[in-house]
Every structure is written in C-alpha cells, then in structure tokens.
Amino acid sequence: MQDKISVVVEYINKVKTRCTFNAAAEALGITPQALKKQLGEARPEVSWFVSPTSGEPMRYTDSQKHPELYRTTRIITSASVLKRNLDL
C-alpha cells in the first residue's frame, strides 16, 4: 500500500494541485483516516491533501505548507481522476 501512496504523493507534487483526502483515499481503496496515518507528519510534500470542505490542509502551519499550494484554485475531488491518470 505504501508504494501506491508514494505514487499518488509523487503525482500530486508533480502536477502541483491540491487533492481531497476523500478522493485520494477512495482511489487507493482505503479510508481517509488510514491515508492520513500513512502520510505521517505534516510536511510540504503532503500538504497537497486537503479537507473537502475548506480546501486547506488540516492542522498545518504556514511553514509546513508547500510554497506553491495556492498556485491554482483547482482541487482534485474525484477518485476517478487519480485512477485514470495513475492507472490505480
């Protein structure tokens, strides 16, 4: 599972687009809570995973957020986008 999570993290960092925990978790076949646990500590490369209601990473300080987090207003909210683009 960690390999698949790494693929998603690498993709999100490559496209520099926020993604909801729900969409990523559904694409991976796990719960959002399990994804949060697997991602570990707050750090810029996983700050792309955000709350579906606020569009913000949860409980992150400004220094823990990726510097380009707000470069676009687009947020991936559908697991089908990740499944299609990553062949999950």
PDB file of N, CA and C in Angstrom:
ATOM      1  N   MET A   1       0.820  -1.201   0.000  1.00  0.00           N
ATOM      2  CA  MET A   1       0.000   0.000   0.000  1.00  0.00           C
ATOM      3  C   MET A   1       0.866   1.268   0.000  1.00  0.00           C
ATOM      4  N   GLN A   2       1.963   1.231   0.742  1.00  0.00           N
ATOM      5  CA  GLN A   2       2.826   2.407   0.809  1.00  0.00           C
ATOM      6  C   GLN A   2       3.355   2.784  -0.573  1.00  0.00           C
ATOM      7  N   ASP A   3       3.606   1.796  -1.429  1.00  0.00           N
ATOM      8  CA  ASP A   3       4.065   2.083  -2.794  1.00  0.00           C
ATOM      9  C   ASP A   3       3.022   2.882  -3.566  1.00  0.00           C
ATOM     10  N   LYS A   4       1.750   2.483  -3.442  1.00  0.00           N
ATOM     11  CA  LYS A   4       0.671   3.193  -4.142  1.00  0.00           C
ATOM     12  C   LYS A   4       0.523   4.612  -3.585  1.00  0.00           C
ATOM     13  N   ILE A   5       0.638   4.744  -2.280  1.00  0.00           N
ATOM     14  CA  ILE A   5       0.545   6.071  -1.671  1.00  0.00           C
ATOM     15  C   ILE A   5       1.677   6.954  -2.180  1.00  0.00           C
ATOM     16  N   SER A   6       2.872   6.397  -2.285  1.00  0.00           N
ATOM     17  CA  SER A   6       4.018   7.154  -2.804  1.00  0.00           C
ATOM     18  C   SER A   6       3.779   7.617  -4.230  1.00  0.00           C
ATOM     19  N   VAL A   7       3.152   6.773  -5.032  1.00  0.00           N
ATOM     20  CA  VAL A   7       2.844   7.137  -6.422  1.00  0.00           C
ATOM     21  C   VAL A   7       1.887   8.327  -6.443  1.00  0.00           C
ATOM     22  N   VAL A   8       0.878   8.301  -5.589  1.00  0.00           N
ATOM     23  CA  VAL A   8      -0.083   9.400  -5.529  1.00  0.00           C
ATOM     24  C   VAL A   8       0.603  10.679  -5.036  1.00  0.00           C
ATOM     25  N   VAL A   9       1.420  10.580  -3.997  1.00  0.00           N
ATOM     26  CA  VAL A   9       2.136  11.752  -3.478  1.00  0.00           C
ATOM     27  C   VAL A   9       3.043  12.346  -4.558  1.00  0.00           C
ATOM     28  N   GLU A  10       3.766  11.503  -5.264  1.00  0.00           N
ATOM     29  CA  GLU A  10       4.649  11.988  -6.342  1.00  0.00           C
ATOM     30  C   GLU A  10       3.845  12.678  -7.437  1.00  0.00           C
ATOM     31  N   TYR A  11       2.716  12.097  -7.816  1.00  0.00           N
ATOM     32  CA  TYR A  11       1.878  12.684  -8.856  1.00  0.00           C
ATOM     33  C   TYR A  11       1.348  14.049  -8.423  1.00  0.00           C
ATOM     34  N   ILE A  12       0.808  14.135  -7.221  1.00  0.00           N
ATOM     35  CA  ILE A  12       0.248  15.392  -6.719  1.00  0.00           C
ATOM     36  C   ILE A  12       1.326  16.478  -6.661  1.00  0.00           C
ATOM     37  N   ASN A  13       2.531  16.109  -6.278  1.00  0.00           N
ATOM     38  CA  ASN A  13       3.628  17.080  -6.253  1.00  0.00           C
ATOM     39  C   ASN A  13       4.058  17.477  -7.652  1.00  0.00           C
ATOM     40  N   LYS A  14       3.976  16.556  -8.588  1.00  0.00           N
ATOM     41  CA  LYS A  14       4.352  16.852  -9.971  1.00  0.00           C
ATOM     42  C   LYS A  14       3.366  17.826 -10.609  1.00  0.00           C
ATOM     43  N   VAL A  15       2.068  17.579 -10.419  1.00  0.00           N
ATOM     44  CA  VAL A  15       1.057  18.445 -11.033  1.00  0.00           C
ATOM     45  C   VAL A  15       0.747  19.676 -10.181  1.00  0.00           C
ATOM     46  N   LYS A  16       1.268  19.685  -8.946  1.00  0.00           N
ATOM     47  CA  LYS A  16       1.107  20.831  -8.034  1.00  0.00           C
ATOM     48  C   LYS A  16      -0.352  21.262  -7.940  1.00  0.00           C
ATOM     49  N   THR A  17      -1.189  20.275  -7.601  1.00  0.00           N
ATOM     50  CA  THR A  17      -2.622  20.516  -7.482  1.00  0.00           C
ATOM     51  C   THR A  17      -3.122  19.875  -6.198  1.00  0.00           C
ATOM     52  N   ARG A  18      -3.898  20.626  -5.436  1.00  0.00           N
ATOM     53  CA  ARG A  18      -4.460  20.069  -4.211  1.00  0.00           C
ATOM     54  C   ARG A  18      -5.420  18.924  -4.539  1.00  0.00           C
ATOM     55  N   CYS A  19      -5.574  18.022  -3.605  1.00  0.00           N
ATOM     56  CA  CYS A  19      -6.419  16.840  -3.766  1.00  0.00           C
ATOM     57  C   CYS A  19      -7.084  16.555  -2.432  1.00  0.00           C
ATOM     58  N   THR A  20      -8.373  16.257  -2.451  1.00  0.00           N
ATOM     59  CA  THR A  20      -9.032  15.964  -1.178  1.00  0.00           C
ATOM     60  C   THR A  20      -8.583  14.603  -0.652  1.00  0.00           C
ATOM     61  N   PHE A  21      -8.566  14.494   0.662  1.00  0.00           N
ATOM     62  CA  PHE A  21      -8.260  13.207   1.290  1.00  0.00           C
ATOM     63  C   PHE A  21      -9.240  12.146   0.805  1.00  0.00           C
ATOM     64  N   ASN A  22     -10.507  12.525   0.662  1.00  0.00           N
ATOM     65  CA  ASN A  22     -11.533  11.566   0.248  1.00  0.00           C
ATOM     66  C   ASN A  22     -11.234  10.992  -1.133  1.00  0.00           C
ATOM     67  N   ALA A  23     -10.868  11.847  -2.091  1.00  0.00           N
ATOM     68  CA  ALA A  23     -10.591  11.383  -3.447  1.00  0.00           C
ATOM     69  C   ALA A  23      -9.374  10.461  -3.464  1.00  0.00           C
ATOM     70  N   ALA A  24      -8.318  10.853  -2.783  1.00  0.00           N
ATOM     71  CA  ALA A  24      -7.100  10.032  -2.764  1.00  0.00           C
ATOM     72  C   ALA A  24      -7.353   8.700  -2.070  1.00  0.00           C
ATOM     73  N   ALA A  25      -8.042   8.744  -0.948  1.00  0.00           N
ATOM     74  CA  ALA A  25      -8.313   7.512  -0.202  1.00  0.00           C
ATOM     75  C   ALA A  25      -9.180   6.561  -1.023  1.00  0.00           C
ATOM     76  N   GLU A  26     -10.217   7.082  -1.670  1.00  0.00           N
ATOM     77  CA  GLU A  26     -11.087   6.239  -2.489  1.00  0.00           C
ATOM     78  C   GLU A  26     -10.293   5.604  -3.640  1.00  0.00           C
ATOM     79  N   ALA A  27      -9.430   6.383  -4.275  1.00  0.00           N
ATOM     80  CA  ALA A  27      -8.613   5.848  -5.374  1.00  0.00           C
ATOM     81  C   ALA A  27      -7.696   4.727  -4.888  1.00  0.00           C
ATOM     82  N   LEU A  28      -7.247   4.834  -3.650  1.00  0.00           N
ATOM     83  CA  LEU A  28      -6.345   3.835  -3.070  1.00  0.00           C
ATOM     84  C   LEU A  28      -7.081   2.664  -2.417  1.00  0.00           C
ATOM     85  N   GLY A  29      -8.388   2.819  -2.228  1.00  0.00           N
ATOM     86  CA  GLY A  29      -9.167   1.759  -1.603  1.00  0.00           C
ATOM     87  C   GLY A  29      -9.002   1.679  -0.094  1.00  0.00           C
ATOM     88  N   ILE A  30      -8.738   2.838   0.529  1.00  0.00           N
ATOM     89  CA  ILE A  30      -8.599   2.896   1.987  1.00  0.00           C
ATOM     90  C   ILE A  30      -9.451   4.045   2.516  1.00  0.00           C
ATOM     91  N   THR A  31      -9.554   4.163   3.827  1.00  0.00           N
ATOM     92  CA  THR A  31     -10.320   5.262   4.409  1.00  0.00           C
ATOM     93  C   THR A  31      -9.460   6.533   4.453  1.00  0.00           C
ATOM     94  N   PRO A  32     -10.103   7.697   4.480  1.00  0.00           N
ATOM     95  CA  PRO A  32      -9.334   8.937   4.623  1.00  0.00           C
ATOM     96  C   PRO A  32      -8.465   8.934   5.885  1.00  0.00           C
ATOM     97  N   GLN A  33      -8.975   8.358   6.970  1.00  0.00           N
ATOM     98  CA  GLN A  33      -8.203   8.303   8.219  1.00  0.00           C
ATOM     99  C   GLN A  33      -6.950   7.444   8.053  1.00  0.00           C
ATOM    100  N   ALA A  34      -7.086   6.319   7.337  1.00  0.00           N
ATOM    101  CA  ALA A  34      -5.925   5.456   7.089  1.00  0.00           C
ATOM    102  C   ALA A  34      -4.895   6.180   6.231  1.00  0.00           C
ATOM    103  N   LEU A  35      -5.359   6.952   5.261  1.00  0.00           N
ATOM    104  CA  LEU A  35      -4.437   7.719   4.415  1.00  0.00           C
ATOM    105  C   LEU A  35      -3.680   8.737   5.257  1.00  0.00           C
ATOM    106  N   LYS A  36      -4.388   9.465   6.096  1.00  0.00           N
ATOM    107  CA  LYS A  36      -3.736  10.466   6.954  1.00  0.00           C
ATOM    108  C   LYS A  36      -2.653   9.815   7.811  1.00  0.00           C
ATOM    109  N   LYS A  37      -2.972   8.656   8.351  1.00  0.00           N
ATOM    110  CA  LYS A  37      -1.995   7.937   9.187  1.00  0.00           C
ATOM    111  C   LYS A  37      -0.777   7.522   8.358  1.00  0.00           C
ATOM    112  N   GLN A  38      -1.019   7.016   7.155  1.00  0.00           N
ATOM    113  CA  GLN A  38       0.083   6.567   6.292  1.00  0.00           C
ATOM    114  C   GLN A  38       0.972   7.724   5.831  1.00  0.00           C
ATOM    115  N   LEU A  39       0.380   8.900   5.654  1.00  0.00           N
ATOM    116  CA  LEU A  39       1.165  10.056   5.205  1.00  0.00           C
ATOM    117  C   LEU A  39       2.107  10.560   6.281  1.00  0.00           C
ATOM    118  N   GLY A  40       1.767  10.319   7.534  1.00  0.00           N
ATOM    119  CA  GLY A  40       2.663  10.689   8.627  1.00  0.00           C
ATOM    120  C   GLY A  40       2.618  12.167   8.970  1.00  0.00           C
ATOM    121  N   GLU A  41       3.771  12.668   9.382  1.00  0.00           N
ATOM    122  CA  GLU A  41       3.888  14.030   9.883  1.00  0.00           C
ATOM    123  C   GLU A  41       3.591  15.082   8.813  1.00  0.00           C
ATOM    124  N   ALA A  42       3.089  16.221   9.278  1.00  0.00           N
ATOM    125  CA  ALA A  42       2.823  17.354   8.393  1.00  0.00           C
ATOM    126  C   ALA A  42       4.124  17.837   7.772  1.00  0.00           C
ATOM    127  N   ARG A  43       4.126  17.934   6.454  1.00  0.00           N
ATOM    128  CA  ARG A  43       5.300  18.416   5.715  1.00  0.00           C
ATOM    129  C   ARG A  43       4.830  18.920   4.349  1.00  0.00           C
ATOM    130  N   PRO A  44       5.612  19.772   3.705  1.00  0.00           N
ATOM    131  CA  PRO A  44       5.168  20.390   2.462  1.00  0.00           C
ATOM    132  C   PRO A  44       4.718  19.406   1.376  1.00  0.00           C
ATOM    133  N   GLU A  45       5.420  18.295   1.192  1.00  0.00           N
ATOM    134  CA  GLU A  45       5.072  17.397   0.087  1.00  0.00           C
ATOM    135  C   GLU A  45       3.751  16.664   0.264  1.00  0.00           C
ATOM    136  N   VAL A  46       3.204  16.650   1.472  1.00  0.00           N
ATOM    137  CA  VAL A  46       1.876  16.045   1.666  1.00  0.00           C
ATOM    138  C   VAL A  46       0.815  17.086   2.034  1.00  0.00           C
ATOM    139  N   SER A  47       1.189  18.358   2.028  1.00  0.00           N
ATOM    140  CA  SER A  47       0.217  19.404   2.326  1.00  0.00           C
ATOM    141  C   SER A  47      -0.790  19.584   1.192  1.00  0.00           C
ATOM    142  N   TRP A  48      -0.546  18.947   0.059  1.00  0.00           N
ATOM    143  CA  TRP A  48      -1.472  18.994  -1.082  1.00  0.00           C
ATOM    144  C   TRP A  48      -2.781  18.280  -0.776  1.00  0.00           C
ATOM    145  N   PHE A  49      -2.792  17.396   0.222  1.00  0.00           N
ATOM    146  CA  PHE A  49      -4.003  16.670   0.584  1.00  0.00           C
ATOM    147  C   PHE A  49      -4.811  17.538   1.536  1.00  0.00           C
ATOM    148  N   VAL A  50      -6.028  17.845   1.130  1.00  0.00           N
ATOM    149  CA  VAL A  50      -6.806  18.860   1.836  1.00  0.00           C
ATOM    150  C   VAL A  50      -8.200  18.377   2.223  1.00  0.00           C
ATOM    151  N   SER A  51      -8.811  19.135   3.100  1.00  0.00           N
ATOM    152  CA  SER A  51     -10.193  18.903   3.508  1.00  0.00           C
ATOM    153  C   SER A  51     -11.125  19.226   2.336  1.00  0.00           C
ATOM    154  N   PRO A  52     -12.153  18.406   2.125  1.00  0.00           N
ATOM    155  CA  PRO A  52     -13.080  18.695   1.031  1.00  0.00           C
ATOM    156  C   PRO A  52     -13.938  19.939   1.284  1.00  0.00           C
ATOM    157  N   THR A  53     -14.094  20.329   2.527  1.00  0.00           N
ATOM    158  CA  THR A  53     -14.935  21.494   2.824  1.00  0.00           C
ATOM    159  C   THR A  53     -14.165  22.806   2.766  1.00  0.00           C
ATOM    160  N   SER A  54     -12.940  22.815   3.266  1.00  0.00           N
ATOM    161  CA  SER A  54     -12.179  24.068   3.308  1.00  0.00           C
ATOM    162  C   SER A  54     -11.169  24.212   2.176  1.00  0.00           C
ATOM    163  N   GLY A  55     -10.748  23.092   1.575  1.00  0.00           N
ATOM    164  CA  GLY A  55      -9.698  23.152   0.556  1.00  0.00           C
ATOM    165  C   GLY A  55      -8.326  23.406   1.150  1.00  0.00           C
ATOM    166  N   GLU A  56      -8.233  23.254   2.466  1.00  0.00           N
ATOM    167  CA  GLU A  56      -6.993  23.520   3.193  1.00  0.00           C
ATOM    168  C   GLU A  56      -6.438  22.234   3.800  1.00  0.00           C
ATOM    169  N   PRO A  57      -5.098  22.139   3.900  1.00  0.00           N
ATOM    170  CA  PRO A  57      -4.534  21.026   4.655  1.00  0.00           C
ATOM    171  C   PRO A  57      -4.900  21.214   6.127  1.00  0.00           C
ATOM    172  N   MET A  58      -5.221  20.137   6.788  1.00  0.00           N
ATOM    173  CA  MET A  58      -5.701  20.246   8.168  1.00  0.00           C
ATOM    174  C   MET A  58      -4.559  20.262   9.173  1.00  0.00           C
ATOM    175  N   ARG A  59      -4.607  21.254  10.052  1.00  0.00           N
ATOM    176  CA  ARG A  59      -3.640  21.410  11.148  1.00  0.00           C
ATOM    177  C   ARG A  59      -2.204  21.629  10.667  1.00  0.00           C
ATOM    178  N   TYR A  60      -2.040  22.375   9.603  1.00  0.00           N
ATOM    179  CA  TYR A  60      -0.710  22.697   9.087  1.00  0.00           C
ATOM    180  C   TYR A  60      -0.380  24.143   9.411  1.00  0.00           C
ATOM    181  N   THR A  61       0.851  24.387   9.822  1.00  0.00           N
ATOM    182  CA  THR A  61       1.310  25.767   9.971  1.00  0.00           C
ATOM    183  C   THR A  61       1.735  26.250   8.585  1.00  0.00           C
ATOM    184  N   ASP A  62       1.899  27.531   8.422  1.00  0.00           N
ATOM    185  CA  ASP A  62       2.315  28.063   7.125  1.00  0.00           C
ATOM    186  C   ASP A  62       3.646  27.474   6.672  1.00  0.00           C
ATOM    187  N   SER A  63       4.557  27.238   7.605  1.00  0.00           N
ATOM    188  CA  SER A  63       5.877  26.698   7.229  1.00  0.00           C
ATOM    189  C   SER A  63       5.800  25.234   6.799  1.00  0.00           C
ATOM    190  N   GLN A  64       4.717  24.534   7.144  1.00  0.00           N
ATOM    191  CA  GLN A  64       4.559  23.132   6.750  1.00  0.00           C
ATOM    192  C   GLN A  64       3.843  22.987   5.414  1.00  0.00           C
ATOM    193  N   LYS A  65       3.310  24.081   4.883  1.00  0.00           N
ATOM    194  CA  LYS A  65       2.591  24.046   3.608  1.00  0.00           C
ATOM    195  C   LYS A  65       3.565  24.217   2.444  1.00  0.00           C
ATOM    196  N   HIS A  66       3.273  23.548   1.343  1.00  0.00           N
ATOM    197  CA  HIS A  66       4.102  23.689   0.147  1.00  0.00           C
ATOM    198  C   HIS A  66       4.020  25.137  -0.325  1.00  0.00           C
ATOM    199  N   PRO A  67       5.145  25.733  -0.749  1.00  0.00           N
ATOM    200  CA  PRO A  67       5.128  27.141  -1.159  1.00  0.00           C
ATOM    201  C   PRO A  67       4.204  27.425  -2.350  1.00  0.00           C
ATOM    202  N   GLU A  68       3.898  26.412  -3.158  1.00  0.00           N
ATOM    203  CA  GLU A  68       3.046  26.622  -4.326  1.00  0.00           C
ATOM    204  C   GLU A  68       1.628  26.075  -4.125  1.00  0.00           C
ATOM    205  N   LEU A  69       1.237  25.863  -2.883  1.00  0.00           N
ATOM    206  CA  LEU A  69      -0.050  25.245  -2.569  1.00  0.00           C
ATOM    207  C   LEU A  69      -1.233  25.968  -3.206  1.00  0.00           C
ATOM    208  N   TYR A  70      -1.151  27.267  -3.305  1.00  0.00           N
ATOM    209  CA  TYR A  70      -2.283  28.048  -3.813  1.00  0.00           C
ATOM    210  C   TYR A  70      -2.054  28.585  -5.219  1.00  0.00           C
ATOM    211  N   ARG A  71      -1.173  27.946  -5.973  1.00  0.00           N
ATOM    212  CA  ARG A  71      -0.875  28.428  -7.326  1.00  0.00           C
ATOM    213  C   ARG A  71      -2.074  28.303  -8.248  1.00  0.00           C
ATOM    214  N   THR A  72      -3.006  27.403  -7.917  1.00  0.00           N
ATOM    215  CA  THR A  72      -4.237  27.247  -8.684  1.00  0.00           C
ATOM    216  C   THR A  72      -5.398  27.018  -7.717  1.00  0.00           C
ATOM    217  N   THR A  73      -6.586  27.371  -8.176  1.00  0.00           N
ATOM    218  CA  THR A  73      -7.767  27.127  -7.349  1.00  0.00           C
ATOM    219  C   THR A  73      -8.303  25.712  -7.570  1.00  0.00           C
ATOM    220  N   ARG A  74      -7.783  25.028  -8.550  1.00  0.00           N
ATOM    221  CA  ARG A  74      -8.245  23.675  -8.865  1.00  0.00           C
ATOM    222  C   ARG A  74      -7.907  22.706  -7.734  1.00  0.00           C
ATOM    223  N   ILE A  75      -8.864  21.844  -7.420  1.00  0.00           N
ATOM    224  CA  ILE A  75      -8.676  20.800  -6.413  1.00  0.00           C
ATOM    225  C   ILE A  75      -9.240  19.500  -6.981  1.00  0.00           C
ATOM    226  N   ILE A  76      -8.456  18.449  -6.940  1.00  0.00           N
ATOM    227  CA  ILE A  76      -8.938  17.141  -7.393  1.00  0.00           C
ATOM    228  C   ILE A  76      -9.899  16.619  -6.323  1.00  0.00           C
ATOM    229  N   THR A  77     -11.151  16.403  -6.722  1.00  0.00           N
ATOM    230  CA  THR A  77     -12.171  15.955  -5.772  1.00  0.00           C
ATOM    231  C   THR A  77     -12.736  14.590  -6.150  1.00  0.00           C
ATOM    232  N   SER A  78     -12.257  14.030  -7.249  1.00  0.00           N
ATOM    233  CA  SER A  78     -12.796  12.758  -7.729  1.00  0.00           C
ATOM    234  C   SER A  78     -11.711  11.686  -7.799  1.00  0.00           C
ATOM    235  N   ALA A  79     -12.009  10.540  -7.219  1.00  0.00           N
ATOM    236  CA  ALA A  79     -11.065   9.418  -7.273  1.00  0.00           C
ATOM    237  C   ALA A  79     -10.821   8.982  -8.705  1.00  0.00           C
ATOM    238  N   SER A  80     -11.811   9.169  -9.573  1.00  0.00           N
ATOM    239  CA  SER A  80     -11.665   8.715 -10.963  1.00  0.00           C
ATOM    240  C   SER A  80     -10.529   9.441 -11.682  1.00  0.00           C
ATOM    241  N   VAL A  81     -10.266  10.685 -11.313  1.00  0.00           N
ATOM    242  CA  VAL A  81      -9.148  11.430 -11.919  1.00  0.00           C
ATOM    243  C   VAL A  81      -7.826  10.737 -11.589  1.00  0.00           C
ATOM    244  N   LEU A  82      -7.630  10.397 -10.332  1.00  0.00           N
ATOM    245  CA  LEU A  82      -6.387   9.726  -9.928  1.00  0.00           C
ATOM    246  C   LEU A  82      -6.306   8.330 -10.533  1.00  0.00           C
ATOM    247  N   LYS A  83      -7.417   7.612 -10.519  1.00  0.00           N
ATOM    248  CA  LYS A  83      -7.412   6.247 -11.083  1.00  0.00           C
ATOM    249  C   LYS A  83      -7.049   6.282 -12.555  1.00  0.00           C
ATOM    250  N   ARG A  84      -7.620   7.235 -13.265  1.00  0.00           N
ATOM    251  CA  ARG A  84      -7.347   7.358 -14.711  1.00  0.00           C
ATOM    252  C   ARG A  84      -5.890   7.765 -14.960  1.00  0.00           C
ATOM    253  N   ASN A  85      -5.428   8.779 -14.270  1.00  0.00           N
ATOM    254  CA  ASN A  85      -4.097   9.312 -14.536  1.00  0.00           C
ATOM    255  C   ASN A  85      -2.962   8.435 -14.009  1.00  0.00           C
ATOM    256  N   LEU A  86      -3.270   7.618 -13.008  1.00  0.00           N
ATOM    257  CA  LEU A  86      -2.231   6.796 -12.384  1.00  0.00           C
ATOM    258  C   LEU A  86      -2.430   5.304 -12.584  1.00  0.00           C
ATOM    259  N   ASP A  87      -3.455   4.928 -13.296  1.00  0.00           N
ATOM    260  CA  ASP A  87      -3.750   3.521 -13.552  1.00  0.00           C
ATOM    261  C   ASP A  87      -3.839   2.726 -12.253  1.00  0.00           C
ATOM    262  N   LEU A  88      -4.580   3.267 -11.301  1.00  0.00           N
ATOM    263  CA  LEU A  88      -4.748   2.600  -9.991  1.00  0.00           C
ATOM    264  C   LEU A  88      -5.892   1.604 -10.041  1.00  0.00           C
TER     265      LEU A  88
END
